[in-house]
Amino acid sequence: MRLNRVLIILLFTALAFTGQASTLQIPTIKFDYHKASIKPEEIQTLDKLVQIMNEYPTMQIEVTGHCDCREHSKRLSLRRAKAVIAYAIAKGIARQRMQPLAYGATLPLNDCDCKANTDCAPQLLAANRRVEIRVMKVEII
């Protein structure tokens, strides 16, 4: 738990000095192919997000949804981002602290490119079906 706090403090310090948004050090939330429902194995990660947001009540985040190259749907990636936001709202986090964004398949984590007929391993495709959390604003009180 102490390591998490150190990472968060370092993250907020970088945000304060640079004025730039930064990706929160929480594992990405993974999704099944063509699905936007929260997988049971992602609940622990989402609970960690809720815990951090409760510890830092001024934190505002961007919830970015992504797809693999076979899905390439901004609508699906937005549904994924909104599913994460809905989970946090259900746990008591205010909606106005979270902004959903949809990137579709425009920001892959790897070189998997369906248009180039790249033979992509299933785990490479799966890595791109995700939601990431970016800290947009926080005030350390």
N, C-alpha and C. Protein backbone atom coordinates (compact mmCIF):
# COMPACT_ATOMS: atom_id res chain seq x y z
N MET A 1 0.83 -1.19 0.00
CA MET A 1 0.00 0.00 0.00
C MET A 1 0.88 1.26 0.00
N ARG A 2 1.98 1.23 0.73
CA ARG A 2 2.86 2.39 0.77
C ARG A 2 3.43 2.70 -0.61
N LEU A 3 3.78 1.67 -1.37
CA LEU A 3 4.30 1.87 -2.71
C LEU A 3 3.27 2.58 -3.59
N ASN A 4 2.00 2.20 -3.45
CA ASN A 4 0.95 2.87 -4.23
C ASN A 4 0.91 4.36 -3.92
N ARG A 5 1.02 4.70 -2.64
CA ARG A 5 1.00 6.11 -2.25
C ARG A 5 2.21 6.85 -2.80
N VAL A 6 3.35 6.22 -2.80
CA VAL A 6 4.56 6.84 -3.35
C VAL A 6 4.37 7.09 -4.84
N LEU A 7 3.84 6.10 -5.56
CA LEU A 7 3.59 6.28 -7.00
C LEU A 7 2.60 7.41 -7.24
N ILE A 8 1.56 7.48 -6.44
CA ILE A 8 0.56 8.53 -6.60
C ILE A 8 1.17 9.90 -6.32
N ILE A 9 1.95 10.00 -5.25
CA ILE A 9 2.58 11.27 -4.92
C ILE A 9 3.54 11.70 -6.03
N LEU A 10 4.34 10.77 -6.54
CA LEU A 10 5.23 11.10 -7.65
C LEU A 10 4.44 11.55 -8.87
N LEU A 11 3.34 10.87 -9.14
CA LEU A 11 2.49 11.22 -10.26
C LEU A 11 1.94 12.62 -10.10
N PHE A 12 1.44 12.96 -8.91
CA PHE A 12 0.87 14.27 -8.67
C PHE A 12 1.94 15.35 -8.72
N THR A 13 3.13 15.04 -8.23
CA THR A 13 4.24 15.99 -8.29
C THR A 13 4.57 16.30 -9.74
N ALA A 14 4.64 15.27 -10.58
CA ALA A 14 4.90 15.49 -12.00
C ALA A 14 3.80 16.32 -12.63
N LEU A 15 2.57 16.08 -12.25
CA LEU A 15 1.44 16.83 -12.78
C LEU A 15 1.55 18.30 -12.37
N ALA A 16 1.92 18.55 -11.11
CA ALA A 16 2.04 19.93 -10.62
C ALA A 16 3.15 20.68 -11.34
N PHE A 17 4.28 20.03 -11.59
CA PHE A 17 5.40 20.70 -12.23
C PHE A 17 5.21 20.88 -13.73
N THR A 18 4.59 19.93 -14.38
CA THR A 18 4.49 19.99 -15.84
C THR A 18 3.17 20.56 -16.33
N GLY A 19 2.15 20.49 -15.49
CA GLY A 19 0.83 20.92 -15.92
C GLY A 19 0.22 19.96 -16.94
N GLN A 20 0.85 18.83 -17.16
CA GLN A 20 0.41 17.84 -18.14
C GLN A 20 -0.39 16.74 -17.44
N ALA A 21 -1.34 16.21 -18.17
CA ALA A 21 -2.06 15.04 -17.65
C ALA A 21 -1.10 13.86 -17.63
N SER A 22 -1.33 12.95 -16.73
CA SER A 22 -0.47 11.78 -16.62
C SER A 22 -1.31 10.54 -16.40
N THR A 23 -0.83 9.42 -16.89
CA THR A 23 -1.57 8.17 -16.71
C THR A 23 -1.39 7.68 -15.29
N LEU A 24 -2.48 7.41 -14.64
CA LEU A 24 -2.47 6.92 -13.28
C LEU A 24 -1.87 5.52 -13.25
N GLN A 25 -1.09 5.24 -12.24
CA GLN A 25 -0.40 3.95 -12.15
C GLN A 25 -1.35 2.86 -11.64
N ILE A 26 -2.36 2.62 -12.43
CA ILE A 26 -3.32 1.55 -12.19
C ILE A 26 -3.28 0.68 -13.43
N PRO A 27 -3.28 -0.62 -13.28
CA PRO A 27 -3.29 -1.46 -14.49
C PRO A 27 -4.48 -1.12 -15.38
N THR A 28 -4.32 -1.31 -16.66
CA THR A 28 -5.44 -1.04 -17.56
C THR A 28 -6.56 -2.03 -17.27
N ILE A 29 -7.76 -1.60 -17.55
CA ILE A 29 -8.93 -2.45 -17.37
C ILE A 29 -9.18 -3.12 -18.72
N LYS A 30 -9.17 -4.43 -18.73
CA LYS A 30 -9.27 -5.21 -19.98
C LYS A 30 -10.72 -5.60 -20.27
N PHE A 31 -11.00 -5.78 -21.55
CA PHE A 31 -12.35 -6.15 -22.00
C PHE A 31 -12.28 -7.30 -23.00
N ASP A 32 -13.35 -8.06 -23.07
CA ASP A 32 -13.46 -9.13 -24.06
C ASP A 32 -13.78 -8.52 -25.43
N TYR A 33 -13.54 -9.30 -26.47
CA TYR A 33 -13.77 -8.88 -27.84
C TYR A 33 -15.21 -8.44 -28.05
N HIS A 34 -15.39 -7.24 -28.57
CA HIS A 34 -16.68 -6.64 -28.87
C HIS A 34 -17.59 -6.51 -27.65
N LYS A 35 -17.01 -6.41 -26.46
CA LYS A 35 -17.80 -6.28 -25.23
C LYS A 35 -17.40 -5.00 -24.50
N ALA A 36 -18.36 -4.46 -23.75
CA ALA A 36 -18.09 -3.30 -22.91
C ALA A 36 -18.45 -3.58 -21.45
N SER A 37 -18.75 -4.83 -21.14
CA SER A 37 -19.11 -5.18 -19.77
C SER A 37 -17.84 -5.42 -18.94
N ILE A 38 -17.93 -5.06 -17.67
CA ILE A 38 -16.79 -5.22 -16.76
C ILE A 38 -16.61 -6.70 -16.46
N LYS A 39 -15.38 -7.18 -16.65
CA LYS A 39 -15.06 -8.57 -16.37
C LYS A 39 -14.84 -8.74 -14.86
N PRO A 40 -15.26 -9.86 -14.27
CA PRO A 40 -15.09 -10.06 -12.83
C PRO A 40 -13.65 -9.88 -12.35
N GLU A 41 -12.68 -10.28 -13.18
CA GLU A 41 -11.29 -10.16 -12.76
C GLU A 41 -10.79 -8.71 -12.75
N GLU A 42 -11.59 -7.78 -13.24
CA GLU A 42 -11.20 -6.36 -13.25
C GLU A 42 -11.74 -5.59 -12.04
N ILE A 43 -12.58 -6.22 -11.25
CA ILE A 43 -13.20 -5.55 -10.10
C ILE A 43 -12.15 -5.04 -9.12
N GLN A 44 -11.13 -5.82 -8.85
CA GLN A 44 -10.09 -5.39 -7.90
C GLN A 44 -9.39 -4.12 -8.40
N THR A 45 -9.12 -4.04 -9.67
CA THR A 45 -8.50 -2.85 -10.25
C THR A 45 -9.43 -1.65 -10.12
N LEU A 46 -10.70 -1.84 -10.41
CA LEU A 46 -11.66 -0.75 -10.30
C LEU A 46 -11.83 -0.30 -8.85
N ASP A 47 -11.81 -1.25 -7.93
CA ASP A 47 -11.90 -0.89 -6.51
C ASP A 47 -10.69 -0.08 -6.08
N LYS A 48 -9.52 -0.38 -6.64
CA LYS A 48 -8.32 0.40 -6.35
C LYS A 48 -8.49 1.84 -6.85
N LEU A 49 -9.04 2.00 -8.04
CA LEU A 49 -9.31 3.33 -8.57
C LEU A 49 -10.24 4.10 -7.65
N VAL A 50 -11.33 3.47 -7.22
CA VAL A 50 -12.29 4.11 -6.32
C VAL A 50 -11.61 4.50 -5.01
N GLN A 51 -10.78 3.62 -4.48
CA GLN A 51 -10.06 3.91 -3.24
C GLN A 51 -9.17 5.15 -3.40
N ILE A 52 -8.44 5.22 -4.49
CA ILE A 52 -7.56 6.37 -4.72
C ILE A 52 -8.38 7.64 -4.89
N MET A 53 -9.48 7.57 -5.60
CA MET A 53 -10.31 8.75 -5.79
C MET A 53 -10.94 9.20 -4.47
N ASN A 54 -11.25 8.27 -3.59
CA ASN A 54 -11.76 8.64 -2.26
C ASN A 54 -10.66 9.28 -1.42
N GLU A 55 -9.42 8.82 -1.56
CA GLU A 55 -8.31 9.40 -0.82
C GLU A 55 -7.95 10.80 -1.31
N TYR A 56 -8.23 11.08 -2.58
CA TYR A 56 -7.93 12.38 -3.19
C TYR A 56 -9.21 12.95 -3.78
N PRO A 57 -10.06 13.56 -2.92
CA PRO A 57 -11.40 13.99 -3.36
C PRO A 57 -11.41 15.11 -4.41
N THR A 58 -10.29 15.76 -4.66
CA THR A 58 -10.25 16.79 -5.70
C THR A 58 -9.78 16.25 -7.05
N MET A 59 -9.39 14.99 -7.08
CA MET A 59 -8.87 14.40 -8.31
C MET A 59 -9.96 14.33 -9.38
N GLN A 60 -9.59 14.75 -10.57
CA GLN A 60 -10.45 14.60 -11.74
C GLN A 60 -9.67 13.75 -12.74
N ILE A 61 -10.39 12.83 -13.39
CA ILE A 61 -9.71 11.90 -14.30
C ILE A 61 -10.36 11.87 -15.66
N GLU A 62 -9.58 11.42 -16.60
CA GLU A 62 -10.04 11.12 -17.95
C GLU A 62 -10.06 9.59 -18.05
N VAL A 63 -11.15 9.04 -18.50
CA VAL A 63 -11.29 7.60 -18.65
C VAL A 63 -11.29 7.30 -20.14
N THR A 64 -10.18 6.75 -20.63
CA THR A 64 -10.01 6.59 -22.07
C THR A 64 -10.26 5.15 -22.51
N GLY A 65 -11.19 4.99 -23.43
CA GLY A 65 -11.53 3.67 -23.96
C GLY A 65 -10.81 3.40 -25.26
N HIS A 66 -10.40 2.14 -25.44
CA HIS A 66 -9.65 1.71 -26.62
C HIS A 66 -10.20 0.38 -27.14
N CYS A 67 -9.93 0.09 -28.41
CA CYS A 67 -10.33 -1.15 -29.06
C CYS A 67 -9.14 -1.79 -29.75
N ASP A 68 -9.28 -3.06 -30.10
CA ASP A 68 -8.24 -3.66 -30.94
C ASP A 68 -8.55 -3.32 -32.40
N CYS A 69 -7.63 -3.63 -33.30
CA CYS A 69 -7.76 -3.21 -34.69
C CYS A 69 -8.92 -3.91 -35.43
N ARG A 70 -9.42 -5.02 -34.91
CA ARG A 70 -10.56 -5.68 -35.55
C ARG A 70 -11.86 -4.99 -35.19
N GLU A 71 -11.89 -4.35 -34.03
CA GLU A 71 -13.11 -3.68 -33.56
C GLU A 71 -13.19 -2.25 -34.11
N HIS A 72 -12.09 -1.54 -34.08
CA HIS A 72 -11.93 -0.14 -34.50
C HIS A 72 -13.23 0.66 -34.44
N SER A 73 -13.81 0.72 -33.25
CA SER A 73 -15.08 1.40 -33.05
C SER A 73 -14.97 2.40 -31.91
N LYS A 74 -15.13 3.66 -32.24
CA LYS A 74 -15.12 4.68 -31.18
C LYS A 74 -16.35 4.52 -30.28
N ARG A 75 -17.45 4.06 -30.86
CA ARG A 75 -18.66 3.85 -30.05
C ARG A 75 -18.41 2.79 -28.98
N LEU A 76 -17.77 1.68 -29.37
CA LEU A 76 -17.46 0.62 -28.41
C LEU A 76 -16.47 1.11 -27.36
N SER A 77 -15.45 1.83 -27.77
CA SER A 77 -14.47 2.30 -26.80
C SER A 77 -15.11 3.31 -25.84
N LEU A 78 -16.07 4.10 -26.30
CA LEU A 78 -16.79 5.01 -25.41
C LEU A 78 -17.65 4.23 -24.43
N ARG A 79 -18.29 3.17 -24.90
CA ARG A 79 -19.09 2.33 -23.99
C ARG A 79 -18.20 1.72 -22.91
N ARG A 80 -16.98 1.33 -23.27
CA ARG A 80 -16.05 0.78 -22.27
C ARG A 80 -15.69 1.84 -21.23
N ALA A 81 -15.39 3.05 -21.68
CA ALA A 81 -15.06 4.12 -20.74
C ALA A 81 -16.25 4.41 -19.82
N LYS A 82 -17.44 4.45 -20.40
CA LYS A 82 -18.64 4.72 -19.59
C LYS A 82 -18.95 3.59 -18.62
N ALA A 83 -18.60 2.36 -18.95
CA ALA A 83 -18.80 1.23 -18.03
C ALA A 83 -17.93 1.41 -16.79
N VAL A 84 -16.70 1.86 -16.98
CA VAL A 84 -15.80 2.12 -15.85
C VAL A 84 -16.35 3.27 -15.01
N ILE A 85 -16.80 4.32 -15.66
CA ILE A 85 -17.38 5.46 -14.94
C ILE A 85 -18.62 5.04 -14.16
N ALA A 86 -19.48 4.23 -14.77
CA ALA A 86 -20.69 3.76 -14.08
C ALA A 86 -20.33 2.96 -12.83
N TYR A 87 -19.28 2.16 -12.91
CA TYR A 87 -18.85 1.39 -11.74
C TYR A 87 -18.42 2.35 -10.63
N ALA A 88 -17.62 3.35 -10.97
CA ALA A 88 -17.15 4.30 -9.95
C ALA A 88 -18.31 5.10 -9.36
N ILE A 89 -19.26 5.48 -10.19
CA ILE A 89 -20.44 6.21 -9.69
C ILE A 89 -21.21 5.34 -8.71
N ALA A 90 -21.37 4.06 -9.04
CA ALA A 90 -22.09 3.13 -8.15
C ALA A 90 -21.38 2.99 -6.81
N LYS A 91 -20.08 3.25 -6.78
CA LYS A 91 -19.30 3.17 -5.55
C LYS A 91 -19.18 4.52 -4.85
N GLY A 92 -19.88 5.54 -5.36
CA GLY A 92 -19.95 6.83 -4.67
C GLY A 92 -19.09 7.95 -5.23
N ILE A 93 -18.44 7.74 -6.35
CA ILE A 93 -17.61 8.79 -6.95
C ILE A 93 -18.52 9.67 -7.82
N ALA A 94 -18.37 10.99 -7.68
CA ALA A 94 -19.21 11.93 -8.43
C ALA A 94 -18.90 11.88 -9.92
N ARG A 95 -19.92 11.87 -10.72
CA ARG A 95 -19.80 11.79 -12.18
C ARG A 95 -18.95 12.91 -12.77
N GLN A 96 -19.09 14.12 -12.21
CA GLN A 96 -18.38 15.27 -12.77
C GLN A 96 -16.87 15.20 -12.57
N ARG A 97 -16.37 14.23 -11.82
CA ARG A 97 -14.93 14.05 -11.63
C ARG A 97 -14.31 13.17 -12.71
N MET A 98 -15.14 12.62 -13.61
CA MET A 98 -14.65 11.66 -14.60
C MET A 98 -15.13 12.05 -16.00
N GLN A 99 -14.20 12.13 -16.92
CA GLN A 99 -14.51 12.48 -18.31
C GLN A 99 -14.22 11.29 -19.22
N PRO A 100 -15.24 10.77 -19.92
CA PRO A 100 -14.96 9.65 -20.84
C PRO A 100 -14.41 10.15 -22.18
N LEU A 101 -13.48 9.40 -22.74
CA LEU A 101 -12.95 9.67 -24.07
C LEU A 101 -12.86 8.37 -24.84
N ALA A 102 -13.10 8.44 -26.14
CA ALA A 102 -13.06 7.24 -26.98
C ALA A 102 -11.97 7.41 -28.04
N TYR A 103 -11.04 6.47 -28.07
CA TYR A 103 -9.97 6.50 -29.05
C TYR A 103 -10.10 5.40 -30.10
N GLY A 104 -11.06 4.52 -29.96
CA GLY A 104 -11.19 3.42 -30.91
C GLY A 104 -9.89 2.63 -30.96
N ALA A 105 -9.40 2.35 -32.17
CA ALA A 105 -8.15 1.58 -32.33
C ALA A 105 -6.98 2.48 -32.71
N THR A 106 -7.07 3.78 -32.43
CA THR A 106 -6.04 4.72 -32.88
C THR A 106 -4.78 4.73 -32.04
N LEU A 107 -4.81 4.20 -30.81
CA LEU A 107 -3.64 4.22 -29.93
C LEU A 107 -3.32 2.81 -29.42
N PRO A 108 -2.90 1.92 -30.29
CA PRO A 108 -2.59 0.55 -29.84
C PRO A 108 -1.35 0.53 -28.94
N LEU A 109 -1.28 -0.47 -28.09
CA LEU A 109 -0.13 -0.66 -27.20
C LEU A 109 1.00 -1.43 -27.88
N ASN A 110 0.73 -1.97 -29.06
CA ASN A 110 1.71 -2.82 -29.74
C ASN A 110 1.60 -2.60 -31.25
N ASP A 111 2.36 -3.36 -32.00
CA ASP A 111 2.41 -3.20 -33.46
C ASP A 111 1.34 -3.97 -34.21
N CYS A 112 0.34 -4.42 -33.52
CA CYS A 112 -0.73 -5.19 -34.16
C CYS A 112 -1.53 -4.27 -35.08
N ASP A 113 -1.49 -4.53 -36.38
CA ASP A 113 -2.15 -3.67 -37.36
C ASP A 113 -2.92 -4.54 -38.35
N CYS A 114 -4.23 -4.56 -38.21
CA CYS A 114 -5.07 -5.40 -39.07
C CYS A 114 -5.03 -4.94 -40.53
N LYS A 115 -4.91 -3.66 -40.77
CA LYS A 115 -4.89 -3.15 -42.14
C LYS A 115 -3.65 -3.62 -42.90
N ALA A 116 -2.56 -3.82 -42.16
CA ALA A 116 -1.32 -4.28 -42.79
C ALA A 116 -1.26 -5.81 -42.85
N ASN A 117 -2.37 -6.44 -42.52
CA ASN A 117 -2.45 -7.91 -42.50
C ASN A 117 -1.39 -8.53 -41.59
N THR A 118 -1.09 -7.84 -40.51
CA THR A 118 -0.15 -8.37 -39.53
C THR A 118 -0.82 -9.54 -38.82
N ASP A 119 -0.08 -10.63 -38.68
CA ASP A 119 -0.61 -11.78 -37.96
C ASP A 119 -0.47 -11.50 -36.48
N CYS A 120 -1.56 -11.15 -35.84
CA CYS A 120 -1.52 -10.75 -34.43
C CYS A 120 -1.93 -11.90 -33.53
N ALA A 121 -1.11 -12.12 -32.52
CA ALA A 121 -1.44 -13.12 -31.52
C ALA A 121 -2.64 -12.63 -30.71
N PRO A 122 -3.47 -13.54 -30.23
CA PRO A 122 -4.65 -13.14 -29.46
C PRO A 122 -4.31 -12.25 -28.26
N GLN A 123 -3.19 -12.51 -27.60
CA GLN A 123 -2.84 -11.69 -26.43
C GLN A 123 -2.47 -10.25 -26.83
N LEU A 124 -1.95 -10.07 -28.05
CA LEU A 124 -1.65 -8.71 -28.52
C LEU A 124 -2.94 -7.95 -28.82
N LEU A 125 -3.88 -8.64 -29.44
CA LEU A 125 -5.18 -8.02 -29.68
C LEU A 125 -5.86 -7.68 -28.36
N ALA A 126 -5.83 -8.61 -27.42
CA ALA A 126 -6.49 -8.41 -26.13
C ALA A 126 -5.90 -7.22 -25.37
N ALA A 127 -4.60 -7.00 -25.49
CA ALA A 127 -3.94 -5.88 -24.78
C ALA A 127 -4.50 -4.54 -25.22
N ASN A 128 -4.99 -4.45 -26.44
CA ASN A 128 -5.52 -3.19 -26.95
C ASN A 128 -6.98 -2.94 -26.58
N ARG A 129 -7.67 -3.95 -26.10
CA ARG A 129 -9.06 -3.80 -25.66
C ARG A 129 -9.04 -3.40 -24.19
N ARG A 130 -8.99 -2.08 -23.96
CA ARG A 130 -8.69 -1.61 -22.62
C ARG A 130 -9.31 -0.25 -22.33
N VAL A 131 -9.27 0.10 -21.04
CA VAL A 131 -9.55 1.46 -20.58
C VAL A 131 -8.35 1.87 -19.74
N GLU A 132 -7.89 3.09 -19.96
CA GLU A 132 -6.81 3.68 -19.18
C GLU A 132 -7.34 4.89 -18.43
N ILE A 133 -6.70 5.18 -17.30
CA ILE A 133 -7.09 6.30 -16.46
C ILE A 133 -5.98 7.34 -16.50
N ARG A 134 -6.36 8.59 -16.78
CA ARG A 134 -5.38 9.69 -16.77
C ARG A 134 -5.83 10.74 -15.77
N VAL A 135 -4.91 11.16 -14.92
CA VAL A 135 -5.20 12.24 -13.97
C VAL A 135 -5.17 13.56 -14.72
N MET A 136 -6.25 14.31 -14.61
CA MET A 136 -6.33 15.60 -15.27
C MET A 136 -6.11 16.76 -14.32
N LYS A 137 -6.55 16.56 -13.07
CA LYS A 137 -6.43 17.64 -12.09
C LYS A 137 -6.46 17.03 -10.70
N VAL A 138 -5.64 17.57 -9.83
CA VAL A 138 -5.68 17.16 -8.43
C VAL A 138 -5.05 18.28 -7.59
N GLU A 139 -5.60 18.47 -6.43
CA GLU A 139 -5.03 19.40 -5.48
C GLU A 139 -4.72 18.61 -4.22
N ILE A 140 -3.45 18.61 -3.84
CA ILE A 140 -3.05 17.91 -2.60
C ILE A 140 -3.37 18.83 -1.45
N ILE A 141 -4.22 18.35 -0.56
CA ILE A 141 -4.66 19.17 0.58
C ILE A 141 -3.85 18.80 1.81
